[in-house]
Amino acid sequence: MRTTVRRLAVLAAASVLTTAVTAAVVAAPASASAIHDFEIVSATSNSTSGDKPVTAYCPEGKKVIGTGWSLSGAVGHVHVSLVSASFEDWVTVWAYEDNDGTTEAWTVTARAMCAEEPPGYEIVSATDTETFPTGSVTATCPDGKHLLGTGFGNDAEHDLVLGSLRPTATGVTATFGWDEDYTSDPYDIHAYAICADDSIDIEIVSDYTDRDDTETKIATAVCPGTRAIGGGISTYGGGDFMATMMKASSYDGAFFFMAKATEHDEGYVGLGFDDTWSMGSYAICALAFDD
C-alpha cells in the first residue's frame, strides 16, 4: 500500500447550484482546541440521467475540513464512487449508475465543511489494489495529528460500491464490494484523511440501526454538545446495498451526522447469507464556531 500527501488534477466540471449553509451558534473566544469560521457549502448537479460529478467550493481563505454528499432520484440504481478530499479548497463527488443504467433523472449533491485553516492541517491519501470480492484501504494521519474529515474513491466506477467508511481518532478505512455484475479484474481503491494537530479535540460518536429486511435505512449519530464536522458509514449483512447519503446537519440546536443506504434495485443478491442487514453512522465531533 502506498500512502502519500498529494493534490489531484481538477475533475470534470458540471453545471451546479451552490449554496452556503450555516447554523446559528454562540460565538467563542479564540481557542487552539476549536474549529473557527466554520460553514457548510453545498452544490447540486443538474437533474438528468447519466454519470456525473459535482464540486462544492469553500469561500476564499477557508480550507476543507470535512466532506458530505447525497443522492436524489433513481433509488437503487446510483452510487457514489468518489468523494475527493485531496483538494484543500473544494470537494468533488462523482456518482455513477449501476451496470443496468436508468432513464430516470437524478441529482448528486456535494458538501464541503469549510473553516479557517487549523494548525497542522494536512490531507493524507492512501491507495491499494484489490480484486473480488472486497477490499479495504486505510489513510492514517501522521503522529501528533487527529482526523477531522474523510473521503474515498475507487477506479471501478460502475462496478464497485462503498461498504463502509470508518473513521478513528487518527485515520479512516474505506471498504468496497462488487455490485452483482462483478468481474475478477483488479482495481485501485483510495482513502483520504483530513488531519490537523491533536490540539483540536475530537470525539467520534456512532449510531446503528436494527438488523432486519427493511429496504432503506437511516442512522443518525448526534454530537454531545459539539458539532459534526465530518463522518462515516458502515453496512452489515449479506445483501447488495448502496450508500445514498452522508452529511452533517442540525436541528433545534442539536448537531449530528446522518448516513443512509438502500437496497439495490434488483433486491437482495447476497452470497449465502440471509436477507437482513443493518447500518451505522459515525460523527466526527468537535468544537466548531462560525466566528
C-alpha atoms as a PDB file:
ATOM      1  CA  MET A   1       0.000   0.000   0.000  1.00  0.00           C
ATOM      2  CA  ARG A   2       1.293   3.445  -0.761  1.00  0.00           C
ATOM      3  CA  THR A   3       0.487   6.468   1.369  1.00  0.00           C
ATOM      4  CA  THR A   4       1.102   9.961   0.074  1.00  0.00           C
ATOM      5  CA  VAL A   5       0.223  13.571   0.643  1.00  0.00           C
ATOM      6  CA  ARG A   6      -0.933  14.862  -2.715  1.00  0.00           C
ATOM      7  CA  ARG A   7      -3.213  17.109  -4.746  1.00  0.00           C
ATOM      8  CA  LEU A   8      -5.073  15.669  -7.709  1.00  0.00           C
ATOM      9  CA  ALA A   9      -5.938  17.285 -11.032  1.00  0.00           C
ATOM     10  CA  VAL A  10      -9.258  19.091 -11.199  1.00  0.00           C
ATOM     11  CA  LEU A  11     -12.075  16.727 -12.186  1.00  0.00           C
ATOM     12  CA  ALA A  12     -14.595  17.404 -14.929  1.00  0.00           C
ATOM     13  CA  ALA A  13     -16.837  20.390 -14.301  1.00  0.00           C
ATOM     14  CA  ALA A  14     -20.637  20.228 -14.133  1.00  0.00           C
ATOM     15  CA  SER A  15     -23.377  22.874 -14.044  1.00  0.00           C
ATOM     16  CA  VAL A  16     -24.269  23.256 -10.382  1.00  0.00           C
ATOM     17  CA  LEU A  17     -26.282  25.263  -7.914  1.00  0.00           C
ATOM     18  CA  THR A  18     -24.090  26.309  -4.968  1.00  0.00           C
ATOM     19  CA  THR A  19     -25.339  27.371  -1.563  1.00  0.00           C
ATOM     20  CA  ALA A  20     -23.767  28.184   1.780  1.00  0.00           C
ATOM     21  CA  VAL A  21     -25.401  26.516   4.779  1.00  0.00           C
ATOM     22  CA  THR A  22     -24.753  27.840   8.243  1.00  0.00           C
ATOM     23  CA  ALA A  23     -26.369  27.258  11.613  1.00  0.00           C
ATOM     24  CA  ALA A  24     -26.519  29.784  14.399  1.00  0.00           C
ATOM     25  CA  VAL A  25     -24.047  29.065  17.186  1.00  0.00           C
ATOM     26  CA  VAL A  26     -22.674  31.065  20.065  1.00  0.00           C
ATOM     27  CA  ALA A  27     -19.505  32.958  19.196  1.00  0.00           C
ATOM     28  CA  ALA A  28     -16.456  31.682  21.033  1.00  0.00           C
ATOM     29  CA  PRO A  29     -13.145  33.167  22.097  1.00  0.00           C
ATOM     30  CA  ALA A  30     -10.087  32.145  20.118  1.00  0.00           C
ATOM     31  CA  SER A  31      -9.089  28.626  21.084  1.00  0.00           C
ATOM     32  CA  ALA A  32      -6.439  26.283  19.733  1.00  0.00           C
ATOM     33  CA  SER A  33      -8.718  23.324  20.525  1.00  0.00           C
ATOM     34  CA  ALA A  34     -11.628  24.542  18.392  1.00  0.00           C
ATOM     35  CA  ILE A  35     -12.520  24.951  14.709  1.00  0.00           C
ATOM     36  CA  HIS A  36     -13.213  28.569  13.722  1.00  0.00           C
ATOM     37  CA  ASP A  37     -15.033  30.330  10.882  1.00  0.00           C
ATOM     38  CA  PHE A  38     -16.964  27.135  10.128  1.00  0.00           C
ATOM     39  CA  GLU A  39     -19.592  26.806   7.411  1.00  0.00           C
ATOM     40  CA  ILE A  40     -21.052  24.139   5.133  1.00  0.00           C
ATOM     41  CA  VAL A  41     -21.155  24.814   1.406  1.00  0.00           C
ATOM     42  CA  SER A  42     -23.200  22.591  -0.901  1.00  0.00           C
ATOM     43  CA  ALA A  43     -23.512  22.210  -4.671  1.00  0.00           C
ATOM     44  CA  THR A  44     -26.107  20.148  -6.574  1.00  0.00           C
ATOM     45  CA  SER A  45     -25.825  18.807 -10.109  1.00  0.00           C
ATOM     46  CA  ASN A  46     -28.411  19.166 -12.816  1.00  0.00           C
ATOM     47  CA  SER A  47     -31.261  16.625 -12.706  1.00  0.00           C
ATOM     48  CA  THR A  48     -30.516  14.240 -15.589  1.00  0.00           C
ATOM     49  CA  SER A  49     -29.734  10.590 -16.172  1.00  0.00           C
ATOM     50  CA  GLY A  50     -26.124   9.539 -16.728  1.00  0.00           C
ATOM     51  CA  ASP A  51     -22.947   9.560 -14.635  1.00  0.00           C
ATOM     52  CA  LYS A  52     -21.965  12.966 -13.318  1.00  0.00           C
ATOM     53  CA  PRO A  53     -19.644  14.914 -10.971  1.00  0.00           C
ATOM     54  CA  VAL A  54     -20.348  17.953  -8.827  1.00  0.00           C
ATOM     55  CA  THR A  55     -17.980  20.211  -6.870  1.00  0.00           C
ATOM     56  CA  ALA A  56     -18.555  22.356  -3.776  1.00  0.00           C
ATOM     57  CA  TYR A  57     -16.045  25.189  -3.268  1.00  0.00           C
ATOM     58  CA  CYS A  58     -15.009  26.725   0.033  1.00  0.00           C
ATOM     59  CA  PRO A  59     -15.005  30.537   0.228  1.00  0.00           C
ATOM     60  CA  GLU A  60     -11.657  32.216  -0.323  1.00  0.00           C
ATOM     61  CA  GLY A  61      -9.357  31.850   2.669  1.00  0.00           C
ATOM     62  CA  LYS A  62     -11.033  28.711   4.053  1.00  0.00           C
ATOM     63  CA  LYS A  63      -9.960  25.066   3.879  1.00  0.00           C
ATOM     64  CA  VAL A  64     -11.937  21.841   3.540  1.00  0.00           C
ATOM     65  CA  ILE A  65     -12.012  20.070   6.907  1.00  0.00           C
ATOM     66  CA  GLY A  66     -14.790  17.581   6.141  1.00  0.00           C
ATOM     67  CA  THR A  67     -16.975  16.200   3.368  1.00  0.00           C
ATOM     68  CA  GLY A  68     -20.537  15.066   2.748  1.00  0.00           C
ATOM     69  CA  TRP A  69     -22.840  14.119  -0.097  1.00  0.00           C
ATOM     70  CA  SER A  70     -26.286  12.845  -1.018  1.00  0.00           C
ATOM     71  CA  LEU A  71     -28.180  11.337  -3.960  1.00  0.00           C
ATOM     72  CA  SER A  72     -31.755  12.084  -5.006  1.00  0.00           C
ATOM     73  CA  GLY A  73     -33.753  10.055  -7.528  1.00  0.00           C
ATOM     74  CA  ALA A  74     -33.191   6.712  -9.313  1.00  0.00           C
ATOM     75  CA  VAL A  75     -33.138   4.920  -5.953  1.00  0.00           C
ATOM     76  CA  GLY A  76     -31.240   1.644  -6.078  1.00  0.00           C
ATOM     77  CA  HIS A  77     -29.608   2.454  -9.423  1.00  0.00           C
ATOM     78  CA  VAL A  78     -26.982   5.057  -8.427  1.00  0.00           C
ATOM     79  CA  HIS A  79     -23.978   5.063  -6.123  1.00  0.00           C
ATOM     80  CA  VAL A  80     -21.099   7.417  -5.318  1.00  0.00           C
ATOM     81  CA  SER A  81     -17.691   6.217  -6.471  1.00  0.00           C
ATOM     82  CA  LEU A  82     -15.520   9.170  -5.417  1.00  0.00           C
ATOM     83  CA  VAL A  83     -15.624  11.783  -2.664  1.00  0.00           C
ATOM     84  CA  SER A  84     -12.334  13.529  -3.238  1.00  0.00           C
ATOM     85  CA  ALA A  85     -10.871  15.078  -0.128  1.00  0.00           C
ATOM     86  CA  SER A  86      -7.487  15.539  -1.768  1.00  0.00           C
ATOM     87  CA  PHE A  87      -8.045  19.223  -2.510  1.00  0.00           C
ATOM     88  CA  GLU A  88      -7.685  21.841   0.208  1.00  0.00           C
ATOM     89  CA  ASP A  89     -10.287  24.215  -1.222  1.00  0.00           C
ATOM     90  CA  TRP A  90     -13.095  22.087  -2.674  1.00  0.00           C
ATOM     91  CA  VAL A  91     -14.863  18.705  -2.575  1.00  0.00           C
ATOM     92  CA  THR A  92     -15.684  16.820  -5.769  1.00  0.00           C
ATOM     93  CA  VAL A  93     -18.187  13.958  -5.779  1.00  0.00           C
ATOM     94  CA  TRP A  94     -18.581  11.526  -8.693  1.00  0.00           C
ATOM     95  CA  ALA A  95     -21.768   9.435  -8.904  1.00  0.00           C
ATOM     96  CA  TYR A  96     -22.344   6.508 -11.256  1.00  0.00           C
ATOM     97  CA  GLU A  97     -25.297   4.450 -12.366  1.00  0.00           C
ATOM     98  CA  ASP A  98     -25.040   0.684 -11.980  1.00  0.00           C
ATOM     99  CA  ASN A  99     -24.325  -1.525 -14.965  1.00  0.00           C
ATOM    100  CA  ASP A 100     -28.022  -1.735 -15.835  1.00  0.00           C
ATOM    101  CA  GLY A 101     -28.271   2.062 -16.100  1.00  0.00           C
ATOM    102  CA  THR A 102     -31.515   4.033 -15.749  1.00  0.00           C
ATOM    103  CA  THR A 103     -33.562   6.538 -17.720  1.00  0.00           C
ATOM    104  CA  GLU A 104     -34.662   8.259 -14.509  1.00  0.00           C
ATOM    105  CA  ALA A 105     -33.376  11.742 -13.776  1.00  0.00           C
ATOM    106  CA  TRP A 106     -31.334  12.093 -10.597  1.00  0.00           C
ATOM    107  CA  THR A 107     -29.018  14.523  -8.822  1.00  0.00           C
ATOM    108  CA  VAL A 108     -25.908  14.348  -6.679  1.00  0.00           C
ATOM    109  CA  THR A 109     -25.031  16.942  -4.034  1.00  0.00           C
ATOM    110  CA  ALA A 110     -21.519  17.631  -2.716  1.00  0.00           C
ATOM    111  CA  ARG A 111     -20.991  19.216   0.707  1.00  0.00           C
ATOM    112  CA  ALA A 112     -17.761  20.876   1.825  1.00  0.00           C
ATOM    113  CA  MET A 113     -17.185  21.583   5.517  1.00  0.00           C
ATOM    114  CA  CYS A 114     -15.112  24.753   5.380  1.00  0.00           C
ATOM    115  CA  ALA A 115     -13.206  26.582   8.104  1.00  0.00           C
ATOM    116  CA  GLU A 116     -10.196  28.695   8.973  1.00  0.00           C
ATOM    117  CA  GLU A 117      -7.120  26.546   8.431  1.00  0.00           C
ATOM    118  CA  PRO A 118      -6.475  24.639  11.688  1.00  0.00           C
ATOM    119  CA  PRO A 119      -2.931  24.145  12.994  1.00  0.00           C
ATOM    120  CA  GLY A 120      -1.084  21.261  11.370  1.00  0.00           C
ATOM    121  CA  TYR A 121      -3.612  20.995   8.527  1.00  0.00           C
ATOM    122  CA  GLU A 122      -2.717  18.176   6.133  1.00  0.00           C
ATOM    123  CA  ILE A 123      -4.505  15.826   3.729  1.00  0.00           C
ATOM    124  CA  VAL A 124      -3.215  12.247   3.524  1.00  0.00           C
ATOM    125  CA  SER A 125      -4.255   9.755   0.850  1.00  0.00           C
ATOM    126  CA  ALA A 126      -3.722   6.005   0.614  1.00  0.00           C
ATOM    127  CA  THR A 127      -4.172   3.701  -2.394  1.00  0.00           C
ATOM    128  CA  ASP A 128      -4.270  -0.079  -2.672  1.00  0.00           C
ATOM    129  CA  THR A 129      -5.002  -2.557  -5.462  1.00  0.00           C
ATOM    130  CA  GLU A 130      -7.570  -5.296  -4.771  1.00  0.00           C
ATOM    131  CA  THR A 131      -9.611  -7.963  -6.542  1.00  0.00           C
ATOM    132  CA  PHE A 132     -13.035  -9.563  -5.985  1.00  0.00           C
ATOM    133  CA  PRO A 133     -14.922  -9.780  -3.678  1.00  0.00           C
ATOM    134  CA  THR A 134     -13.966  -6.954  -1.294  1.00  0.00           C
ATOM    135  CA  GLY A 135     -11.075  -4.674  -0.487  1.00  0.00           C
ATOM    136  CA  SER A 136     -10.137  -2.031   2.059  1.00  0.00           C
ATOM    137  CA  VAL A 137      -7.568   0.723   2.416  1.00  0.00           C
ATOM    138  CA  THR A 138      -6.607   2.950   5.355  1.00  0.00           C
ATOM    139  CA  ALA A 139      -5.301   6.520   5.339  1.00  0.00           C
ATOM    140  CA  THR A 140      -3.537   7.409   8.592  1.00  0.00           C
ATOM    141  CA  CYS A 141      -2.725  10.844   9.993  1.00  0.00           C
ATOM    142  CA  PRO A 142       0.926  11.471  10.952  1.00  0.00           C
ATOM    143  CA  ASP A 143       1.957  11.217  14.594  1.00  0.00           C
ATOM    144  CA  GLY A 144       0.625  14.059  16.703  1.00  0.00           C
ATOM    145  CA  LYS A 145      -2.383  14.670  14.455  1.00  0.00           C
ATOM    146  CA  HIS A 146      -6.102  13.864  14.628  1.00  0.00           C
ATOM    147  CA  LEU A 147      -8.622  13.052  11.924  1.00  0.00           C
ATOM    148  CA  LEU A 148     -11.087  15.830  11.027  1.00  0.00           C
ATOM    149  CA  GLY A 149     -12.678  14.597   7.783  1.00  0.00           C
ATOM    150  CA  THR A 150     -12.847  11.691   5.365  1.00  0.00           C
ATOM    151  CA  GLY A 151     -13.035  10.820   1.677  1.00  0.00           C
ATOM    152  CA  PHE A 152     -12.901   7.764  -0.537  1.00  0.00           C
ATOM    153  CA  GLY A 153     -12.688   6.621  -4.137  1.00  0.00           C
ATOM    154  CA  ASN A 154     -12.305   3.676  -6.480  1.00  0.00           C
ATOM    155  CA  ASP A 155     -11.407   3.164 -10.119  1.00  0.00           C
ATOM    156  CA  ALA A 156     -14.079   0.547 -10.895  1.00  0.00           C
ATOM    157  CA  GLU A 157     -16.743   3.259 -11.260  1.00  0.00           C
ATOM    158  CA  HIS A 158     -19.940   1.350 -12.143  1.00  0.00           C
ATOM    159  CA  ASP A 159     -18.926  -1.984 -10.603  1.00  0.00           C
ATOM    160  CA  LEU A 160     -17.762  -1.170  -7.090  1.00  0.00           C
ATOM    161  CA  VAL A 161     -19.845   0.164  -4.204  1.00  0.00           C
ATOM    162  CA  LEU A 162     -18.835   1.600  -0.833  1.00  0.00           C
ATOM    163  CA  GLY A 163     -19.392  -0.823   2.034  1.00  0.00           C
ATOM    164  CA  SER A 164     -18.041   1.289   4.860  1.00  0.00           C
ATOM    165  CA  LEU A 165     -16.080   4.421   5.637  1.00  0.00           C
ATOM    166  CA  ARG A 166     -14.992   4.057   9.265  1.00  0.00           C
ATOM    167  CA  PRO A 167     -13.194   6.941  10.996  1.00  0.00           C
ATOM    168  CA  THR A 168     -10.963   6.644  14.045  1.00  0.00           C
ATOM    169  CA  ALA A 169      -9.167   9.335  16.015  1.00  0.00           C
ATOM    170  CA  THR A 170      -6.147   9.053  13.721  1.00  0.00           C
ATOM    171  CA  GLY A 171      -7.362   7.784  10.354  1.00  0.00           C
ATOM    172  CA  VAL A 172     -10.088   6.310   8.153  1.00  0.00           C
ATOM    173  CA  THR A 173     -10.641   2.928   6.492  1.00  0.00           C
ATOM    174  CA  ALA A 174     -12.672   2.618   3.274  1.00  0.00           C
ATOM    175  CA  THR A 175     -14.081  -0.802   2.359  1.00  0.00           C
ATOM    176  CA  PHE A 176     -15.651  -1.656  -1.001  1.00  0.00           C
ATOM    177  CA  GLY A 177     -17.569  -4.569  -2.523  1.00  0.00           C
ATOM    178  CA  TRP A 178     -18.612  -5.515  -6.025  1.00  0.00           C
ATOM    179  CA  ASP A 179     -22.032  -4.870  -7.469  1.00  0.00           C
ATOM    180  CA  GLU A 180     -23.803  -8.049  -8.639  1.00  0.00           C
ATOM    181  CA  ASP A 181     -22.186  -7.783 -12.101  1.00  0.00           C
ATOM    182  CA  TYR A 182     -18.658  -8.187 -10.841  1.00  0.00           C
ATOM    183  CA  THR A 183     -15.532  -9.247 -12.691  1.00  0.00           C
ATOM    184  CA  SER A 184     -12.200 -10.550 -11.452  1.00  0.00           C
ATOM    185  CA  ASP A 185     -10.252  -7.550 -12.729  1.00  0.00           C
ATOM    186  CA  PRO A 186      -8.029  -5.781 -10.169  1.00  0.00           C
ATOM    187  CA  TYR A 187      -8.964  -2.250  -9.159  1.00  0.00           C
ATOM    188  CA  ASP A 188      -7.487   0.653  -7.216  1.00  0.00           C
ATOM    189  CA  ILE A 189      -9.228   1.926  -4.104  1.00  0.00           C
ATOM    190  CA  HIS A 190      -8.492   5.135  -2.203  1.00  0.00           C
ATOM    191  CA  ALA A 191      -8.988   6.617   1.259  1.00  0.00           C
ATOM    192  CA  TYR A 192      -8.479  10.271   2.232  1.00  0.00           C
ATOM    193  CA  ALA A 193      -7.816  11.568   5.743  1.00  0.00           C
ATOM    194  CA  ILE A 194      -8.072  15.287   6.531  1.00  0.00           C
ATOM    195  CA  CYS A 195      -5.797  15.825   9.515  1.00  0.00           C
ATOM    196  CA  ALA A 196      -4.784  18.555  11.969  1.00  0.00           C
ATOM    197  CA  ASP A 197      -2.740  18.852  15.161  1.00  0.00           C
ATOM    198  CA  ASP A 198      -4.149  16.842  18.055  1.00  0.00           C
ATOM    199  CA  SER A 199      -4.653  20.106  19.927  1.00  0.00           C
ATOM    200  CA  ILE A 200      -8.006  20.035  18.086  1.00  0.00           C
ATOM    201  CA  ASP A 201     -10.217  17.968  20.371  1.00  0.00           C
ATOM    202  CA  ILE A 202     -12.424  15.474  18.526  1.00  0.00           C
ATOM    203  CA  GLU A 203     -14.812  12.725  19.555  1.00  0.00           C
ATOM    204  CA  ILE A 204     -16.294  10.025  17.326  1.00  0.00           C
ATOM    205  CA  VAL A 205     -19.918   9.116  18.058  1.00  0.00           C
ATOM    206  CA  SER A 206     -21.805   6.252  16.411  1.00  0.00           C
ATOM    207  CA  ASP A 207     -25.402   5.146  15.887  1.00  0.00           C
ATOM    208  CA  TYR A 208     -26.702   1.856  14.460  1.00  0.00           C
ATOM    209  CA  THR A 209     -29.998   0.680  13.024  1.00  0.00           C
ATOM    210  CA  ASP A 210     -31.717  -2.599  13.810  1.00  0.00           C
ATOM    211  CA  ARG A 211     -30.860  -5.597  11.666  1.00  0.00           C
ATOM    212  CA  ASP A 212     -33.863  -6.590   9.537  1.00  0.00           C
ATOM    213  CA  ASP A 213     -35.001  -6.701   5.898  1.00  0.00           C
ATOM    214  CA  THR A 214     -36.064  -3.038   5.582  1.00  0.00           C
ATOM    215  CA  GLU A 215     -35.103  -1.775   2.118  1.00  0.00           C
ATOM    216  CA  THR A 216     -33.857   1.686   3.188  1.00  0.00           C
ATOM    217  CA  LYS A 217     -32.229   2.670   6.483  1.00  0.00           C
ATOM    218  CA  ILE A 218     -31.003   5.899   8.090  1.00  0.00           C
ATOM    219  CA  ALA A 219     -28.652   6.156  11.084  1.00  0.00           C
ATOM    220  CA  THR A 220     -28.053   9.444  12.905  1.00  0.00           C
ATOM    221  CA  ALA A 221     -25.059   9.982  15.205  1.00  0.00           C
ATOM    222  CA  VAL A 222     -25.600  13.003  17.481  1.00  0.00           C
ATOM    223  CA  CYS A 223     -22.657  15.031  18.790  1.00  0.00           C
ATOM    224  CA  PRO A 224     -22.684  15.662  22.572  1.00  0.00           C
ATOM    225  CA  GLY A 225     -22.839  19.459  22.707  1.00  0.00           C
ATOM    226  CA  THR A 226     -20.302  19.841  19.900  1.00  0.00           C
ATOM    227  CA  ARG A 227     -20.648  19.970  16.140  1.00  0.00           C
ATOM    228  CA  ALA A 228     -20.394  17.314  13.408  1.00  0.00           C
ATOM    229  CA  ILE A 229     -17.553  18.312  11.087  1.00  0.00           C
ATOM    230  CA  GLY A 230     -17.364  15.006   9.206  1.00  0.00           C
ATOM    231  CA  GLY A 231     -18.282  11.362   9.497  1.00  0.00           C
ATOM    232  CA  GLY A 232     -18.620   7.913   8.024  1.00  0.00           C
ATOM    233  CA  ILE A 233     -20.912   4.981   7.312  1.00  0.00           C
ATOM    234  CA  SER A 234     -20.978   1.192   7.604  1.00  0.00           C
ATOM    235  CA  THR A 235     -23.288  -1.565   6.350  1.00  0.00           C
ATOM    236  CA  TYR A 236     -23.551  -5.083   7.763  1.00  0.00           C
ATOM    237  CA  GLY A 237     -25.169  -8.106   6.120  1.00  0.00           C
ATOM    238  CA  GLY A 238     -25.046 -10.345   3.080  1.00  0.00           C
ATOM    239  CA  GLY A 239     -27.089  -8.182   0.728  1.00  0.00           C
ATOM    240  CA  ASP A 240     -26.249  -5.725  -2.018  1.00  0.00           C
ATOM    241  CA  PHE A 241     -26.683  -2.191  -0.706  1.00  0.00           C
ATOM    242  CA  MET A 242     -25.822   1.303  -1.872  1.00  0.00           C
ATOM    243  CA  ALA A 243     -24.936   4.225   0.389  1.00  0.00           C
ATOM    244  CA  THR A 244     -27.036   7.214  -0.714  1.00  0.00           C
ATOM    245  CA  MET A 245     -26.253   9.918   1.871  1.00  0.00           C
ATOM    246  CA  MET A 246     -23.540  11.036   4.261  1.00  0.00           C
ATOM    247  CA  LYS A 247     -23.990  14.532   5.627  1.00  0.00           C
ATOM    248  CA  ALA A 248     -23.699  16.730   8.700  1.00  0.00           C
ATOM    249  CA  SER A 249     -26.812  18.619   9.712  1.00  0.00           C
ATOM    250  CA  SER A 250     -28.533  20.298  12.654  1.00  0.00           C
ATOM    251  CA  TYR A 251     -31.991  20.673  14.142  1.00  0.00           C
ATOM    252  CA  ASP A 252     -33.245  22.594  17.149  1.00  0.00           C
ATOM    253  CA  GLY A 253     -29.742  23.201  18.484  1.00  0.00           C
ATOM    254  CA  ALA A 254     -28.514  19.610  18.019  1.00  0.00           C
ATOM    255  CA  PHE A 255     -25.724  18.737  15.585  1.00  0.00           C
ATOM    256  CA  PHE A 256     -25.454  15.303  14.004  1.00  0.00           C
ATOM    257  CA  PHE A 257     -24.189  13.225  11.099  1.00  0.00           C
ATOM    258  CA  MET A 258     -26.729  11.279   9.020  1.00  0.00           C
ATOM    259  CA  ALA A 259     -25.986   8.245   6.856  1.00  0.00           C
ATOM    260  CA  LYS A 260     -28.441   6.489   4.570  1.00  0.00           C
ATOM    261  CA  ALA A 261     -28.307   3.299   2.489  1.00  0.00           C
ATOM    262  CA  THR A 262     -30.778   1.433   0.320  1.00  0.00           C
ATOM    263  CA  GLU A 263     -31.089  -1.992  -1.235  1.00  0.00           C
ATOM    264  CA  HIS A 264     -30.036  -2.394  -4.855  1.00  0.00           C
ATOM    265  CA  ASP A 265     -32.912  -2.109  -7.339  1.00  0.00           C
ATOM    266  CA  GLU A 266     -32.742  -5.857  -8.068  1.00  0.00           C
ATOM    267  CA  GLY A 267     -33.101  -6.644  -4.370  1.00  0.00           C
ATOM    268  CA  TYR A 268     -31.012  -8.984  -2.273  1.00  0.00           C
ATOM    269  CA  VAL A 269     -28.207 -10.745  -4.119  1.00  0.00           C
ATOM    270  CA  GLY A 270     -26.103 -11.909  -1.162  1.00  0.00           C
ATOM    271  CA  LEU A 271     -23.680 -14.814  -1.228  1.00  0.00           C
ATOM    272  CA  GLY A 272     -25.129 -17.427   1.094  1.00  0.00           C
ATOM    273  CA  PHE A 273     -26.368 -15.081   3.850  1.00  0.00           C
ATOM    274  CA  ASP A 274     -29.875 -14.205   4.959  1.00  0.00           C
ATOM    275  CA  ASP A 275     -31.516 -11.051   3.631  1.00  0.00           C
ATOM    276  CA  THR A 276     -31.311  -8.989   6.822  1.00  0.00           C
ATOM    277  CA  TRP A 277     -28.893  -6.119   7.257  1.00  0.00           C
ATOM    278  CA  SER A 278     -28.073  -3.109   9.394  1.00  0.00           C
ATOM    279  CA  MET A 279     -26.058   0.074   9.032  1.00  0.00           C
ATOM    280  CA  GLY A 280     -24.236   2.605  11.147  1.00  0.00           C
ATOM    281  CA  SER A 281     -23.391   6.304  11.103  1.00  0.00           C
ATOM    282  CA  TYR A 282     -20.243   7.885  12.573  1.00  0.00           C
ATOM    283  CA  ALA A 283     -19.993  11.556  13.516  1.00  0.00           C
ATOM    284  CA  ILE A 284     -16.629  13.273  13.926  1.00  0.00           C
ATOM    285  CA  CYS A 285     -17.463  15.873  16.571  1.00  0.00           C
ATOM    286  CA  ALA A 286     -15.511  18.976  17.585  1.00  0.00           C
ATOM    287  CA  LEU A 287     -15.997  22.471  18.956  1.00  0.00           C
ATOM    288  CA  ALA A 288     -16.711  24.477  15.825  1.00  0.00           C
ATOM    289  CA  PHE A 289     -17.861  28.105  15.660  1.00  0.00           C
ATOM    290  CA  ASP A 290     -18.881  30.318  12.785  1.00  0.00           C
ATOM    291  CA  ASP A 291     -16.925  33.350  14.053  1.00  0.00           C
END
